[in-house]
Amino acid sequence: MDGNLLPDVLEANCPSRQVLKHLTSTWGVLVLIVLLGGEQRFSGLRRRVGGVSERMLAQTLQQLEGDGMVLRVAHPVVPPHVVYSLTDLGREAALRVAGLTQWIEANMAEIAAAKA
C-alpha cells in the first residue's frame, strides 16, 4: 500500500488485511470477548477459550498485542505474573466482534436449518 493512499481492505497488499485476519480469526475473536470481562492471566484465558492450544493462544496474543489491541503487563515478581487486557482500541474492536458473535448465537437455529 502506498503511503499516500487510504487503507482499503479490499486491496491485496493493504496492511489492514492482516489486522482483519487477526481480529476475525476464531481465536482472536474469542480472546477479545474474554478480555471484555477484564484482565486475565494466560492460564485463565486458556481455560475460558475452549479448545485453544497453548501455542495458538500465545501466537494470537502476540498478534493482537502487535496490532495494539491487547496490553501485556509482566509484573516483576517470582513466579512471573503476566496479565493481558484490552487497550481502548481493543475494547472498541472487541465490542464489535462480540456483537457479531451474539448475532450468530441468536440466529443459530435458522442458520442450522439453512444448512440442513
PDB file of N, CA and C in Angstrom:
ATOM      1  N   MET A   1       0.848  -1.180   0.000  1.00  0.00           N
ATOM      2  CA  MET A   1       0.000   0.000   0.000  1.00  0.00           C
ATOM      3  C   MET A   1       0.884   1.231   0.000  1.00  0.00           C
ATOM      4  N   ASP A   2       0.594   2.153  -0.868  1.00  0.00           N
ATOM      5  CA  ASP A   2       1.332   3.410  -0.964  1.00  0.00           C
ATOM      6  C   ASP A   2       0.999   4.274   0.254  1.00  0.00           C
ATOM      7  N   GLY A   3       1.990   4.970   0.792  1.00  0.00           N
ATOM      8  CA  GLY A   3       1.799   5.800   1.979  1.00  0.00           C
ATOM      9  C   GLY A   3       0.800   6.920   1.788  1.00  0.00           C
ATOM     10  N   ASN A   4       0.486   7.271   0.517  1.00  0.00           N
ATOM     11  CA  ASN A   4      -0.443   8.361   0.241  1.00  0.00           C
ATOM     12  C   ASN A   4      -1.887   7.890   0.101  1.00  0.00           C
ATOM     13  N   LEU A   5      -2.105   6.601   0.048  1.00  0.00           N
ATOM     14  CA  LEU A   5      -3.450   6.079  -0.140  1.00  0.00           C
ATOM     15  C   LEU A   5      -4.095   5.740   1.197  1.00  0.00           C
ATOM     16  N   LEU A   6      -5.397   5.845   1.225  1.00  0.00           N
ATOM     17  CA  LEU A   6      -6.141   5.450   2.414  1.00  0.00           C
ATOM     18  C   LEU A   6      -6.182   3.928   2.498  1.00  0.00           C
ATOM     19  N   PRO A   7      -6.258   3.384   3.714  1.00  0.00           N
ATOM     20  CA  PRO A   7      -6.374   1.932   3.842  1.00  0.00           C
ATOM     21  C   PRO A   7      -7.610   1.417   3.106  1.00  0.00           C
ATOM     22  N   ASP A   8      -7.457   0.293   2.442  1.00  0.00           N
ATOM     23  CA  ASP A   8      -8.551  -0.333   1.706  1.00  0.00           C
ATOM     24  C   ASP A   8      -8.412  -1.840   1.850  1.00  0.00           C
ATOM     25  N   VAL A   9      -9.226  -2.417   2.690  1.00  0.00           N
ATOM     26  CA  VAL A   9      -9.138  -3.842   2.998  1.00  0.00           C
ATOM     27  C   VAL A   9      -9.354  -4.720   1.763  1.00  0.00           C
ATOM     28  N   LEU A  10      -9.945  -4.166   0.730  1.00  0.00           N
ATOM     29  CA  LEU A  10     -10.156  -4.939  -0.492  1.00  0.00           C
ATOM     30  C   LEU A  10      -8.910  -5.012  -1.364  1.00  0.00           C
ATOM     31  N   GLU A  11      -7.926  -4.184  -1.098  1.00  0.00           N
ATOM     32  CA  GLU A  11      -6.663  -4.212  -1.843  1.00  0.00           C
ATOM     33  C   GLU A  11      -5.763  -5.315  -1.290  1.00  0.00           C
ATOM     34  N   ALA A  12      -5.196  -6.106  -2.175  1.00  0.00           N
ATOM     35  CA  ALA A  12      -4.410  -7.276  -1.789  1.00  0.00           C
ATOM     36  C   ALA A  12      -3.246  -6.961  -0.858  1.00  0.00           C
ATOM     37  N   ASN A  13      -2.574  -5.852  -1.048  1.00  0.00           N
ATOM     38  CA  ASN A  13      -1.383  -5.551  -0.262  1.00  0.00           C
ATOM     39  C   ASN A  13      -1.619  -4.589   0.902  1.00  0.00           C
ATOM     40  N   CYS A  14      -2.862  -4.299   1.185  1.00  0.00           N
ATOM     41  CA  CYS A  14      -3.163  -3.353   2.257  1.00  0.00           C
ATOM     42  C   CYS A  14      -2.908  -4.006   3.621  1.00  0.00           C
ATOM     43  N   PRO A  15      -2.136  -3.344   4.497  1.00  0.00           N
ATOM     44  CA  PRO A  15      -1.860  -3.901   5.835  1.00  0.00           C
ATOM     45  C   PRO A  15      -3.110  -4.102   6.677  1.00  0.00           C
ATOM     46  N   SER A  16      -4.188  -3.444   6.313  1.00  0.00           N
ATOM     47  CA  SER A  16      -5.428  -3.625   7.078  1.00  0.00           C
ATOM     48  C   SER A  16      -5.923  -5.067   6.999  1.00  0.00           C
ATOM     49  N   ARG A  17      -5.522  -5.780   5.955  1.00  0.00           N
ATOM     50  CA  ARG A  17      -5.929  -7.191   5.836  1.00  0.00           C
ATOM     51  C   ARG A  17      -5.360  -8.047   6.963  1.00  0.00           C
ATOM     52  N   GLN A  18      -4.123  -7.766   7.361  1.00  0.00           N
ATOM     53  CA  GLN A  18      -3.527  -8.534   8.456  1.00  0.00           C
ATOM     54  C   GLN A  18      -4.275  -8.268   9.758  1.00  0.00           C
ATOM     55  N   VAL A  19      -4.627  -7.020   9.987  1.00  0.00           N
ATOM     56  CA  VAL A  19      -5.391  -6.677  11.196  1.00  0.00           C
ATOM     57  C   VAL A  19      -6.740  -7.380  11.152  1.00  0.00           C
ATOM     58  N   LEU A  20      -7.404  -7.340  10.005  1.00  0.00           N
ATOM     59  CA  LEU A  20      -8.683  -8.030   9.856  1.00  0.00           C
ATOM     60  C   LEU A  20      -8.537  -9.516  10.144  1.00  0.00           C
ATOM     61  N   LYS A  21      -7.476 -10.106   9.624  1.00  0.00           N
ATOM     62  CA  LYS A  21      -7.216 -11.533   9.846  1.00  0.00           C
ATOM     63  C   LYS A  21      -7.050 -11.834  11.339  1.00  0.00           C
ATOM     64  N   HIS A  22      -6.306 -10.995  12.047  1.00  0.00           N
ATOM     65  CA  HIS A  22      -6.077 -11.214  13.477  1.00  0.00           C
ATOM     66  C   HIS A  22      -7.356 -11.023  14.288  1.00  0.00           C
ATOM     67  N   LEU A  23      -8.130  -9.980  13.954  1.00  0.00           N
ATOM     68  CA  LEU A  23      -9.340  -9.682  14.723  1.00  0.00           C
ATOM     69  C   LEU A  23     -10.463 -10.665  14.462  1.00  0.00           C
ATOM     70  N   THR A  24     -10.507 -11.242  13.270  1.00  0.00           N
ATOM     71  CA  THR A  24     -11.640 -12.103  12.937  1.00  0.00           C
ATOM     72  C   THR A  24     -11.295 -13.583  12.911  1.00  0.00           C
ATOM     73  N   SER A  25     -10.062 -13.928  13.281  1.00  0.00           N
ATOM     74  CA  SER A  25      -9.762 -15.360  13.408  1.00  0.00           C
ATOM     75  C   SER A  25     -10.585 -15.898  14.577  1.00  0.00           C
ATOM     76  N   THR A  26     -10.853 -17.168  14.550  1.00  0.00           N
ATOM     77  CA  THR A  26     -11.640 -17.763  15.640  1.00  0.00           C
ATOM     78  C   THR A  26     -11.023 -17.434  16.990  1.00  0.00           C
ATOM     79  N   TRP A  27      -9.723 -17.663  17.130  1.00  0.00           N
ATOM     80  CA  TRP A  27      -9.077 -17.446  18.425  1.00  0.00           C
ATOM     81  C   TRP A  27      -9.015 -15.967  18.768  1.00  0.00           C
ATOM     82  N   GLY A  28      -8.797 -15.116  17.773  1.00  0.00           N
ATOM     83  CA  GLY A  28      -8.757 -13.677  18.015  1.00  0.00           C
ATOM     84  C   GLY A  28     -10.075 -13.170  18.562  1.00  0.00           C
ATOM     85  N   VAL A  29     -11.162 -13.577  17.948  1.00  0.00           N
ATOM     86  CA  VAL A  29     -12.494 -13.173  18.399  1.00  0.00           C
ATOM     87  C   VAL A  29     -12.737 -13.639  19.828  1.00  0.00           C
ATOM     88  N   LEU A  30     -12.420 -14.895  20.102  1.00  0.00           N
ATOM     89  CA  LEU A  30     -12.701 -15.451  21.432  1.00  0.00           C
ATOM     90  C   LEU A  30     -11.849 -14.797  22.513  1.00  0.00           C
ATOM     91  N   VAL A  31     -10.587 -14.521  22.211  1.00  0.00           N
ATOM     92  CA  VAL A  31      -9.718 -13.829  23.174  1.00  0.00           C
ATOM     93  C   VAL A  31     -10.253 -12.437  23.460  1.00  0.00           C
ATOM     94  N   LEU A  32     -10.649 -11.718  22.422  1.00  0.00           N
ATOM     95  CA  LEU A  32     -11.192 -10.374  22.615  1.00  0.00           C
ATOM     96  C   LEU A  32     -12.444 -10.410  23.489  1.00  0.00           C
ATOM     97  N   ILE A  33     -13.313 -11.383  23.250  1.00  0.00           N
ATOM     98  CA  ILE A  33     -14.545 -11.492  24.039  1.00  0.00           C
ATOM     99  C   ILE A  33     -14.232 -11.770  25.502  1.00  0.00           C
ATOM    100  N   VAL A  34     -13.311 -12.679  25.769  1.00  0.00           N
ATOM    101  CA  VAL A  34     -12.945 -12.980  27.158  1.00  0.00           C
ATOM    102  C   VAL A  34     -12.362 -11.742  27.830  1.00  0.00           C
ATOM    103  N   LEU A  35     -11.502 -11.028  27.122  1.00  0.00           N
ATOM    104  CA  LEU A  35     -10.857  -9.853  27.714  1.00  0.00           C
ATOM    105  C   LEU A  35     -11.827  -8.688  27.924  1.00  0.00           C
ATOM    106  N   LEU A  36     -12.992  -8.727  27.280  1.00  0.00           N
ATOM    107  CA  LEU A  36     -14.012  -7.712  27.562  1.00  0.00           C
ATOM    108  C   LEU A  36     -14.431  -7.767  29.032  1.00  0.00           C
ATOM    109  N   GLY A  37     -14.304  -8.946  29.624  1.00  0.00           N
ATOM    110  CA  GLY A  37     -14.663  -9.125  31.030  1.00  0.00           C
ATOM    111  C   GLY A  37     -13.606  -8.632  32.000  1.00  0.00           C
ATOM    112  N   GLY A  38     -12.474  -8.201  31.495  1.00  0.00           N
ATOM    113  CA  GLY A  38     -11.404  -7.707  32.360  1.00  0.00           C
ATOM    114  C   GLY A  38     -10.116  -8.460  32.128  1.00  0.00           C
ATOM    115  N   GLU A  39      -9.064  -7.998  32.800  1.00  0.00           N
ATOM    116  CA  GLU A  39      -7.744  -8.596  32.588  1.00  0.00           C
ATOM    117  C   GLU A  39      -7.722 -10.054  32.990  1.00  0.00           C
ATOM    118  N   GLN A  40      -6.864 -10.788  32.299  1.00  0.00           N
ATOM    119  CA  GLN A  40      -6.749 -12.235  32.506  1.00  0.00           C
ATOM    120  C   GLN A  40      -5.295 -12.647  32.448  1.00  0.00           C
ATOM    121  N   ARG A  41      -4.971 -13.667  33.199  1.00  0.00           N
ATOM    122  CA  ARG A  41      -3.677 -14.311  33.037  1.00  0.00           C
ATOM    123  C   ARG A  41      -3.793 -15.313  31.894  1.00  0.00           C
ATOM    124  N   PHE A  42      -2.640 -15.743  31.386  1.00  0.00           N
ATOM    125  CA  PHE A  42      -2.604 -16.685  30.275  1.00  0.00           C
ATOM    126  C   PHE A  42      -3.421 -17.933  30.600  1.00  0.00           C
ATOM    127  N   SER A  43      -3.214 -18.475  31.785  1.00  0.00           N
ATOM    128  CA  SER A  43      -3.916 -19.708  32.163  1.00  0.00           C
ATOM    129  C   SER A  43      -5.429 -19.494  32.223  1.00  0.00           C
ATOM    130  N   GLY A  44      -5.862 -18.321  32.662  1.00  0.00           N
ATOM    131  CA  GLY A  44      -7.282 -18.014  32.698  1.00  0.00           C
ATOM    132  C   GLY A  44      -7.874 -17.928  31.302  1.00  0.00           C
ATOM    133  N   LEU A  45      -7.132 -17.313  30.395  1.00  0.00           N
ATOM    134  CA  LEU A  45      -7.578 -17.245  29.008  1.00  0.00           C
ATOM    135  C   LEU A  45      -7.683 -18.638  28.405  1.00  0.00           C
ATOM    136  N   ARG A  46      -6.685 -19.445  28.685  1.00  0.00           N
ATOM    137  CA  ARG A  46      -6.676 -20.807  28.116  1.00  0.00           C
ATOM    138  C   ARG A  46      -7.863 -21.623  28.621  1.00  0.00           C
ATOM    139  N   ARG A  47      -8.210 -21.454  29.898  1.00  0.00           N
ATOM    140  CA  ARG A  47      -9.377 -22.164  30.450  1.00  0.00           C
ATOM    141  C   ARG A  47     -10.678 -21.674  29.817  1.00  0.00           C
ATOM    142  N   ARG A  48     -10.784 -20.372  29.610  1.00  0.00           N
ATOM    143  CA  ARG A  48     -12.031 -19.787  29.097  1.00  0.00           C
ATOM    144  C   ARG A  48     -12.242 -20.050  27.610  1.00  0.00           C
ATOM    145  N   VAL A  49     -11.175 -20.095  26.837  1.00  0.00           N
ATOM    146  CA  VAL A  49     -11.278 -20.286  25.386  1.00  0.00           C
ATOM    147  C   VAL A  49     -11.128 -21.771  25.093  1.00  0.00           C
ATOM    148  N   GLY A  50     -12.234 -22.470  25.102  1.00  0.00           N
ATOM    149  CA  GLY A  50     -12.220 -23.913  24.916  1.00  0.00           C
ATOM    150  C   GLY A  50     -11.585 -24.342  23.609  1.00  0.00           C
ATOM    151  N   GLY A  51     -10.661 -25.307  23.695  1.00  0.00           N
ATOM    152  CA  GLY A  51     -10.069 -25.906  22.516  1.00  0.00           C
ATOM    153  C   GLY A  51      -8.807 -25.239  21.989  1.00  0.00           C
ATOM    154  N   VAL A  52      -8.415 -24.100  22.552  1.00  0.00           N
ATOM    155  CA  VAL A  52      -7.221 -23.419  22.048  1.00  0.00           C
ATOM    156  C   VAL A  52      -5.970 -24.066  22.641  1.00  0.00           C
ATOM    157  N   SER A  53      -4.969 -24.268  21.803  1.00  0.00           N
ATOM    158  CA  SER A  53      -3.702 -24.815  22.301  1.00  0.00           C
ATOM    159  C   SER A  53      -2.890 -23.678  22.904  1.00  0.00           C
ATOM    160  N   GLU A  54      -1.930 -24.050  23.719  1.00  0.00           N
ATOM    161  CA  GLU A  54      -1.049 -23.062  24.336  1.00  0.00           C
ATOM    162  C   GLU A  54      -0.313 -22.260  23.267  1.00  0.00           C
ATOM    163  N   ARG A  55       0.180 -22.953  22.268  1.00  0.00           N
ATOM    164  CA  ARG A  55       0.925 -22.303  21.177  1.00  0.00           C
ATOM    165  C   ARG A  55       0.051 -21.314  20.411  1.00  0.00           C
ATOM    166  N   MET A  56      -1.173 -21.728  20.076  1.00  0.00           N
ATOM    167  CA  MET A  56      -2.074 -20.863  19.311  1.00  0.00           C
ATOM    168  C   MET A  56      -2.512 -19.661  20.141  1.00  0.00           C
ATOM    169  N   LEU A  57      -2.736 -19.856  21.425  1.00  0.00           N
ATOM    170  CA  LEU A  57      -3.109 -18.740  22.286  1.00  0.00           C
ATOM    171  C   LEU A  57      -1.967 -17.735  22.373  1.00  0.00           C
ATOM    172  N   ALA A  58      -0.752 -18.235  22.547  1.00  0.00           N
ATOM    173  CA  ALA A  58       0.412 -17.344  22.620  1.00  0.00           C
ATOM    174  C   ALA A  58       0.563 -16.556  21.316  1.00  0.00           C
ATOM    175  N   GLN A  59       0.400 -17.220  20.193  1.00  0.00           N
ATOM    176  CA  GLN A  59       0.514 -16.573  18.885  1.00  0.00           C
ATOM    177  C   GLN A  59      -0.581 -15.523  18.710  1.00  0.00           C
ATOM    178  N   THR A  60      -1.791 -15.856  19.090  1.00  0.00           N
ATOM    179  CA  THR A  60      -2.920 -14.923  18.967  1.00  0.00           C
ATOM    180  C   THR A  60      -2.697 -13.695  19.828  1.00  0.00           C
ATOM    181  N   LEU A  61      -2.245 -13.896  21.059  1.00  0.00           N
ATOM    182  CA  LEU A  61      -1.980 -12.764  21.948  1.00  0.00           C
ATOM    183  C   LEU A  61      -0.879 -11.871  21.390  1.00  0.00           C
ATOM    184  N   GLN A  62       0.158 -12.474  20.832  1.00  0.00           N
ATOM    185  CA  GLN A  62       1.246 -11.683  20.235  1.00  0.00           C
ATOM    186  C   GLN A  62       0.739 -10.853  19.056  1.00  0.00           C
ATOM    187  N   GLN A  63      -0.102 -11.454  18.227  1.00  0.00           N
ATOM    188  CA  GLN A  63      -0.642 -10.734  17.077  1.00  0.00           C
ATOM    189  C   GLN A  63      -1.518  -9.572  17.526  1.00  0.00           C
ATOM    190  N   LEU A  64      -2.397  -9.828  18.486  1.00  0.00           N
ATOM    191  CA  LEU A  64      -3.294  -8.779  18.962  1.00  0.00           C
ATOM    192  C   LEU A  64      -2.526  -7.688  19.700  1.00  0.00           C
ATOM    193  N   GLU A  65      -1.482  -8.067  20.392  1.00  0.00           N
ATOM    194  CA  GLU A  65      -0.630  -7.078  21.053  1.00  0.00           C
ATOM    195  C   GLU A  65       0.096  -6.236  19.996  1.00  0.00           C
ATOM    196  N   GLY A  66       0.595  -6.885  18.966  1.00  0.00           N
ATOM    197  CA  GLY A  66       1.289  -6.185  17.887  1.00  0.00           C
ATOM    198  C   GLY A  66       0.398  -5.207  17.136  1.00  0.00           C
ATOM    199  N   ASP A  67      -0.903  -5.504  17.083  1.00  0.00           N
ATOM    200  CA  ASP A  67      -1.867  -4.627  16.423  1.00  0.00           C
ATOM    201  C   ASP A  67      -2.395  -3.541  17.359  1.00  0.00           C
ATOM    202  N   GLY A  68      -1.932  -3.544  18.607  1.00  0.00           N
ATOM    203  CA  GLY A  68      -2.374  -2.513  19.553  1.00  0.00           C
ATOM    204  C   GLY A  68      -3.712  -2.793  20.200  1.00  0.00           C
ATOM    205  N   MET A  69      -4.177  -4.033  20.140  1.00  0.00           N
ATOM    206  CA  MET A  69      -5.478  -4.394  20.708  1.00  0.00           C
ATOM    207  C   MET A  69      -5.374  -4.900  22.140  1.00  0.00           C
ATOM    208  N   VAL A  70      -4.259  -5.541  22.451  1.00  0.00           N
ATOM    209  CA  VAL A  70      -4.064  -6.176  23.754  1.00  0.00           C
ATOM    210  C   VAL A  70      -2.825  -5.598  24.416  1.00  0.00           C
ATOM    211  N   LEU A  71      -2.943  -5.385  25.701  1.00  0.00           N
ATOM    212  CA  LEU A  71      -1.816  -4.910  26.508  1.00  0.00           C
ATOM    213  C   LEU A  71      -1.324  -6.071  27.368  1.00  0.00           C
ATOM    214  N   ARG A  72      -0.039  -6.328  27.321  1.00  0.00           N
ATOM    215  CA  ARG A  72       0.585  -7.384  28.137  1.00  0.00           C
ATOM    216  C   ARG A  72       1.420  -6.706  29.204  1.00  0.00           C
ATOM    217  N   VAL A  73       1.134  -7.026  30.464  1.00  0.00           N
ATOM    218  CA  VAL A  73       1.885  -6.444  31.575  1.00  0.00           C
ATOM    219  C   VAL A  73       2.512  -7.578  32.378  1.00  0.00           C
ATOM    220  N   ALA A  74       3.837  -7.554  32.468  1.00  0.00           N
ATOM    221  CA  ALA A  74       4.575  -8.546  33.258  1.00  0.00           C
ATOM    222  C   ALA A  74       4.959  -7.902  34.579  1.00  0.00           C
ATOM    223  N   HIS A  75       4.421  -8.423  35.667  1.00  0.00           N
ATOM    224  CA  HIS A  75       4.738  -7.900  36.996  1.00  0.00           C
ATOM    225  C   HIS A  75       6.045  -8.528  37.479  1.00  0.00           C
ATOM    226  N   PRO A  76       6.947  -7.724  38.028  1.00  0.00           N
ATOM    227  CA  PRO A  76       8.268  -8.231  38.443  1.00  0.00           C
ATOM    228  C   PRO A  76       8.219  -8.978  39.778  1.00  0.00           C
ATOM    229  N   VAL A  77       7.622 -10.162  39.735  1.00  0.00           N
ATOM    230  CA  VAL A  77       7.528 -10.999  40.930  1.00  0.00           C
ATOM    231  C   VAL A  77       7.965 -12.414  40.574  1.00  0.00           C
ATOM    232  N   VAL A  78       8.210 -13.213  41.591  1.00  0.00           N
ATOM    233  CA  VAL A  78       8.551 -14.621  41.389  1.00  0.00           C
ATOM    234  C   VAL A  78       7.472 -15.447  42.064  1.00  0.00           C
ATOM    235  N   PRO A  79       6.819 -16.361  41.359  1.00  0.00           N
ATOM    236  CA  PRO A  79       6.972 -16.663  39.937  1.00  0.00           C
ATOM    237  C   PRO A  79       6.408 -15.532  39.072  1.00  0.00           C
ATOM    238  N   PRO A  80       6.772 -15.495  37.787  1.00  0.00           N
ATOM    239  CA  PRO A  80       6.310 -14.429  36.899  1.00  0.00           C
ATOM    240  C   PRO A  80       4.784 -14.317  36.883  1.00  0.00           C
ATOM    241  N   HIS A  81       4.307 -13.107  36.849  1.00  0.00           N
ATOM    242  CA  HIS A  81       2.867 -12.832  36.837  1.00  0.00           C
ATOM    243  C   HIS A  81       2.598 -11.899  35.653  1.00  0.00           C
ATOM    244  N   VAL A  82       2.004 -12.451  34.607  1.00  0.00           N
ATOM    245  CA  VAL A  82       1.707 -11.677  33.395  1.00  0.00           C
ATOM    246  C   VAL A  82       0.199 -11.614  33.240  1.00  0.00           C
ATOM    247  N   VAL A  83      -0.300 -10.406  32.970  1.00  0.00           N
ATOM    248  CA  VAL A  83      -1.731 -10.238  32.726  1.00  0.00           C
ATOM    249  C   VAL A  83      -1.948  -9.569  31.375  1.00  0.00           C
ATOM    250  N   TYR A  84      -3.069  -9.894  30.788  1.00  0.00           N
ATOM    251  CA  TYR A  84      -3.456  -9.352  29.496  1.00  0.00           C
ATOM    252  C   TYR A  84      -4.762  -8.590  29.667  1.00  0.00           C
ATOM    253  N   SER A  85      -4.865  -7.464  28.977  1.00  0.00           N
ATOM    254  CA  SER A  85      -6.088  -6.671  28.993  1.00  0.00           C
ATOM    255  C   SER A  85      -6.250  -5.994  27.641  1.00  0.00           C
ATOM    256  N   LEU A  86      -7.412  -5.413  27.427  1.00  0.00           N
ATOM    257  CA  LEU A  86      -7.671  -4.710  26.181  1.00  0.00           C
ATOM    258  C   LEU A  86      -7.210  -3.266  26.274  1.00  0.00           C
ATOM    259  N   THR A  87      -6.675  -2.765  25.194  1.00  0.00           N
ATOM    260  CA  THR A  87      -6.418  -1.336  25.069  1.00  0.00           C
ATOM    261  C   THR A  87      -7.755  -0.686  24.706  1.00  0.00           C
ATOM    262  N   ASP A  88      -7.801   0.630  24.630  1.00  0.00           N
ATOM    263  CA  ASP A  88      -9.036   1.305  24.208  1.00  0.00           C
ATOM    264  C   ASP A  88      -9.427   0.862  22.804  1.00  0.00           C
ATOM    265  N   LEU A  89      -8.445   0.757  21.923  1.00  0.00           N
ATOM    266  CA  LEU A  89      -8.690   0.294  20.561  1.00  0.00           C
ATOM    267  C   LEU A  89      -9.198  -1.148  20.565  1.00  0.00           C
ATOM    268  N   GLY A  90      -8.597  -1.981  21.392  1.00  0.00           N
ATOM    269  CA  GLY A  90      -9.002  -3.378  21.503  1.00  0.00           C
ATOM    270  C   GLY A  90     -10.407  -3.522  22.051  1.00  0.00           C
ATOM    271  N   ARG A  91     -10.769  -2.667  22.999  1.00  0.00           N
ATOM    272  CA  ARG A  91     -12.121  -2.709  23.570  1.00  0.00           C
ATOM    273  C   ARG A  91     -13.155  -2.373  22.495  1.00  0.00           C
ATOM    274  N   GLU A  92     -12.847  -1.372  21.691  1.00  0.00           N
ATOM    275  CA  GLU A  92     -13.764  -0.998  20.609  1.00  0.00           C
ATOM    276  C   GLU A  92     -13.925  -2.150  19.625  1.00  0.00           C
ATOM    277  N   ALA A  93     -12.815  -2.770  19.238  1.00  0.00           N
ATOM    278  CA  ALA A  93     -12.867  -3.910  18.316  1.00  0.00           C
ATOM    279  C   ALA A  93     -13.612  -5.081  18.953  1.00  0.00           C
ATOM    280  N   ALA A  94     -13.345  -5.339  20.228  1.00  0.00           N
ATOM    281  CA  ALA A  94     -13.986  -6.461  20.923  1.00  0.00           C
ATOM    282  C   ALA A  94     -15.495  -6.292  20.981  1.00  0.00           C
ATOM    283  N   LEU A  95     -15.952  -5.082  21.219  1.00  0.00           N
ATOM    284  CA  LEU A  95     -17.396  -4.839  21.253  1.00  0.00           C
ATOM    285  C   LEU A  95     -18.027  -5.127  19.898  1.00  0.00           C
ATOM    286  N   ARG A  96     -17.309  -4.808  18.841  1.00  0.00           N
ATOM    287  CA  ARG A  96     -17.840  -5.051  17.501  1.00  0.00           C
ATOM    288  C   ARG A  96     -17.902  -6.540  17.180  1.00  0.00           C
ATOM    289  N   VAL A  97     -16.844  -7.279  17.474  1.00  0.00           N
ATOM    290  CA  VAL A  97     -16.882  -8.725  17.173  1.00  0.00           C
ATOM    291  C   VAL A  97     -17.820  -9.447  18.132  1.00  0.00           C
ATOM    292  N   ALA A  98     -17.965  -8.941  19.350  1.00  0.00           N
ATOM    293  CA  ALA A  98     -18.918  -9.542  20.291  1.00  0.00           C
ATOM    294  C   ALA A  98     -20.334  -9.398  19.747  1.00  0.00           C
ATOM    295  N   GLY A  99     -20.630  -8.265  19.119  1.00  0.00           N
ATOM    296  CA  GLY A  99     -21.947  -8.075  18.501  1.00  0.00           C
ATOM    297  C   GLY A  99     -22.211  -9.113  17.424  1.00  0.00           C
ATOM    298  N   LEU A 100     -21.204  -9.411  16.626  1.00  0.00           N
ATOM    299  CA  LEU A 100     -21.345 -10.427  15.588  1.00  0.00           C
ATOM    300  C   LEU A 100     -21.577 -11.808  16.207  1.00  0.00           C
ATOM    301  N   THR A 101     -20.823 -12.142  17.234  1.00  0.00           N
ATOM    302  CA  THR A 101     -20.998 -13.467  17.852  1.00  0.00           C
ATOM    303  C   THR A 101     -22.368 -13.573  18.519  1.00  0.00           C
ATOM    304  N   GLN A 102     -22.860 -12.490  19.096  1.00  0.00           N
ATOM    305  CA  GLN A 102     -24.206 -12.503  19.693  1.00  0.00           C
ATOM    306  C   GLN A 102     -25.262 -12.721  18.614  1.00  0.00           C
ATOM    307  N   TRP A 103     -25.074 -12.078  17.469  1.00  0.00           N
ATOM    308  CA  TRP A 103     -25.998 -12.261  16.359  1.00  0.00           C
ATOM    309  C   TRP A 103     -25.991 -13.713  15.891  1.00  0.00           C
ATOM    310  N   ILE A 104     -24.789 -14.302  15.783  1.00  0.00           N
ATOM    311  CA  ILE A 104     -24.679 -15.712  15.365  1.00  0.00           C
ATOM    312  C   ILE A 104     -25.416 -16.609  16.349  1.00  0.00           C
ATOM    313  N   GLU A 105     -25.166 -16.426  17.645  1.00  0.00           N
ATOM    314  CA  GLU A 105     -25.829 -17.255  18.655  1.00  0.00           C
ATOM    315  C   GLU A 105     -27.354 -17.106  18.604  1.00  0.00           C
ATOM    316  N   ALA A 106     -27.828 -15.864  18.417  1.00  0.00           N
ATOM    317  CA  ALA A 106     -29.262 -15.608  18.386  1.00  0.00           C
ATOM    318  C   ALA A 106     -29.918 -16.226  17.148  1.00  0.00           C
ATOM    319  N   ASN A 107     -29.157 -16.412  16.082  1.00  0.00           N
ATOM    320  CA  ASN A 107     -29.714 -16.925  14.834  1.00  0.00           C
ATOM    321  C   ASN A 107     -29.268 -18.337  14.498  1.00  0.00           C
ATOM    322  N   MET A 108     -28.700 -19.047  15.473  1.00  0.00           N
ATOM    323  CA  MET A 108     -28.167 -20.383  15.206  1.00  0.00           C
ATOM    324  C   MET A 108     -29.216 -21.359  14.720  1.00  0.00           C
ATOM    325  N   ALA A 109     -30.437 -21.286  15.228  1.00  0.00           N
ATOM    326  CA  ALA A 109     -31.479 -22.223  14.787  1.00  0.00           C
ATOM    327  C   ALA A 109     -31.760 -22.035  13.294  1.00  0.00           C
ATOM    328  N   GLU A 110     -31.871 -20.801  12.859  1.00  0.00           N
ATOM    329  CA  GLU A 110     -32.127 -20.514  11.446  1.00  0.00           C
ATOM    330  C   GLU A 110     -30.916 -20.885  10.585  1.00  0.00           C
ATOM    331  N   ILE A 111     -29.730 -20.624  11.085  1.00  0.00           N
ATOM    332  CA  ILE A 111     -28.502 -20.985  10.364  1.00  0.00           C
ATOM    333  C   ILE A 111     -28.412 -22.499  10.213  1.00  0.00           C
ATOM    334  N   ALA A 112     -28.698 -23.226  11.300  1.00  0.00           N
ATOM    335  CA  ALA A 112     -28.652 -24.694  11.265  1.00  0.00           C
ATOM    336  C   ALA A 112     -29.700 -25.236  10.305  1.00  0.00           C
ATOM    337  N   ALA A 113     -30.886 -24.616  10.288  1.00  0.00           N
ATOM    338  CA  ALA A 113     -31.950 -25.069   9.379  1.00  0.00           C
ATOM    339  C   ALA A 113     -31.537 -24.844   7.920  1.00  0.00           C
ATOM    340  N   ALA A 114     -30.852 -23.740   7.660  1.00  0.00           N
ATOM    341  CA  ALA A 114     -30.400 -23.457   6.290  1.00  0.00           C
ATOM    342  C   ALA A 114     -29.360 -24.458   5.833  1.00  0.00           C
ATOM    343  N   LYS A 115     -28.566 -24.955   6.784  1.00  0.00           N
ATOM    344  CA  LYS A 115     -27.536 -25.947   6.454  1.00  0.00           C
ATOM    345  C   LYS A 115     -28.129 -27.308   6.155  1.00  0.00           C
ATOM    346  N   ALA A 116     -29.277 -27.594   6.778  1.00  0.00           N
ATOM    347  CA  ALA A 116     -29.886 -28.936   6.642  1.00  0.00           C
ATOM    348  C   ALA A 116     -30.514 -29.183   5.287  1.00  0.00           C
TER     349      ALA A 116
END
